[in-house]
C-alpha atoms as a PDB file:
ATOM      1  CA  MET A   1    -162.356  61.967  56.805  1.00  0.00           C
ATOM      2  CA  ASP A   2    -159.852  64.792  57.562  1.00  0.00           C
ATOM      3  CA  THR A   3    -157.052  65.029  55.503  1.00  0.00           C
ATOM      4  CA  HIS A   4    -154.313  64.835  58.008  1.00  0.00           C
ATOM      5  CA  LEU A   5    -155.863  61.843  59.927  1.00  0.00           C
ATOM      6  CA  MET A   6    -155.838  59.935  56.692  1.00  0.00           C
ATOM      7  CA  ILE A   7    -152.264  60.968  56.161  1.00  0.00           C
ATOM      8  CA  GLY A   8    -151.486  59.931  59.566  1.00  0.00           C
ATOM      9  CA  VAL A   9    -153.069  56.684  59.419  1.00  0.00           C
ATOM     10  CA  ALA A  10    -151.360  56.061  56.071  1.00  0.00           C
ATOM     11  CA  VAL A  11    -147.920  56.586  57.691  1.00  0.00           C
ATOM     12  CA  MET A  12    -148.660  54.252  60.629  1.00  0.00           C
ATOM     13  CA  MET A  13    -149.421  51.643  58.369  1.00  0.00           C
ATOM     14  CA  GLY A  14    -146.423  52.521  56.207  1.00  0.00           C
ATOM     15  CA  LEU A  15    -144.135  52.018  59.337  1.00  0.00           C
ATOM     16  CA  ILE A  16    -145.982  48.747  60.629  1.00  0.00           C
ATOM     17  CA  GLY A  17    -145.355  47.569  57.198  1.00  0.00           C
ATOM     18  CA  ILE A  18    -141.552  48.244  57.072  1.00  0.00           C
ATOM     19  CA  ALA A  19    -141.200  46.878  60.808  1.00  0.00           C
ATOM     20  CA  ALA A  20    -142.819  43.619  59.842  1.00  0.00           C
ATOM     21  CA  ALA A  21    -140.937  43.178  56.514  1.00  0.00           C
ATOM     22  CA  ARG A  22    -137.631  43.649  58.387  1.00  0.00           C
ATOM     23  CA  ASP A  23    -138.678  41.408  60.981  1.00  0.00           C
ATOM     24  CA  LEU A  24    -139.424  38.719  58.218  1.00  0.00           C
ATOM     25  CA  LEU A  25    -136.347  39.256  56.481  1.00  0.00           C
ATOM     26  CA  ARG A  26    -134.579  38.611  59.511  1.00  0.00           C
ATOM     27  CA  ARG A  27    -136.181  35.052  60.204  1.00  0.00           C
ATOM     28  CA  LEU A  28    -135.616  34.188  56.914  1.00  0.00           C
ATOM     29  CA  ARG A  29    -132.325  34.701  56.309  1.00  0.00           C
ATOM     30  CA  ALA A  30    -129.845  31.813  57.250  1.00  0.00           C
ATOM     31  CA  GLN A  31    -129.001  32.011  60.998  1.00  0.00           C
ATOM     32  CA  GLN A  32    -125.522  30.430  62.175  1.00  0.00           C
ATOM     33  CA  ARG A  33    -126.269  27.819  64.613  1.00  0.00           C
ATOM     34  CA  LEU A  34    -123.345  25.969  66.851  1.00  0.00           C
ATOM     35  CA  VAL A  35    -122.654  22.236  66.297  1.00  0.00           C
ATOM     36  CA  PRO A  36    -121.295  19.989  68.910  1.00  0.00           C
ATOM     37  CA  VAL A  37    -117.736  18.977  67.832  1.00  0.00           C
ATOM     38  CA  ARG A  38    -116.267  15.856  69.760  1.00  0.00           C
ATOM     39  CA  VAL A  39    -112.943  16.039  70.623  1.00  0.00           C
ATOM     40  CA  GLU A  40    -110.570  12.944  71.397  1.00  0.00           C
ATOM     41  CA  THR A  41    -107.565  13.524  73.986  1.00  0.00           C
ATOM     42  CA  ASP A  42    -104.969  11.216  74.106  1.00  0.00           C
ATOM     43  CA  VAL A  43    -106.199   9.336  77.025  1.00  0.00           C
ATOM     44  CA  GLN A  44    -109.147   8.414  74.906  1.00  0.00           C
ATOM     45  CA  ARG A  45    -107.156   7.038  72.276  1.00  0.00           C
ATOM     46  CA  GLN A  46    -105.304   4.636  74.403  1.00  0.00           C
ATOM     47  CA  PRO A  47    -106.634   1.164  73.797  1.00  0.00           C
ATOM     48  CA  ARG A  48    -108.907  -0.211  76.513  1.00  0.00           C
ATOM     49  CA  ARG A  49    -108.749  -3.988  77.714  1.00  0.00           C
ATOM     50  CA  GLY A  50    -109.943  -6.141  75.311  1.00  0.00           C
ATOM     51  CA  GLN A  51    -109.437  -3.815  72.019  1.00  0.00           C
ATOM     52  CA  ASP A  52    -106.752  -4.113  69.474  1.00  0.00           C
ATOM     53  CA  TRP A  53    -105.904  -1.315  67.475  1.00  0.00           C
END
């Protein structure tokens, strides 16, 4: 094989490896997720019929 071709293939393999490693690290990093939170308003706090608070 030609030396320039081998160097080109090695560079391309290195770039593919770097891109794969970045993608893998990004997926492994903890990601923030939204969690639903229930909010009670004053109307919801009033006792309903049949309930004693």
